[in-house]
Amino acid sequence: MVQTSLSKLESLEGVGKFLRSELTIEQLQLQAKAQSDLDANNTMNVARLKLFDLFNRRSKSVA
């Protein structure tokens, strides 16, 4: 069985100590249900591409 990051987090004892003070496991669960796995993956990929694009632009301006 493949475990998502959220399901692993949920399985930890005292999960609250691993979260930011303003965030609850219930909020994460609601956010996870708001998107399909495919939509969440696409959102993450877009964010990752933007981040790496930012790194590439910075390295070119420094060089």
Foldseek 3Di string as FASTA:
>chain_A
DDDDPLNVLVPDPPSVVVDDPVDDNVVVVVVCVVDDPVVVVVVVVVVVVVVVVVVVVVVVVVD
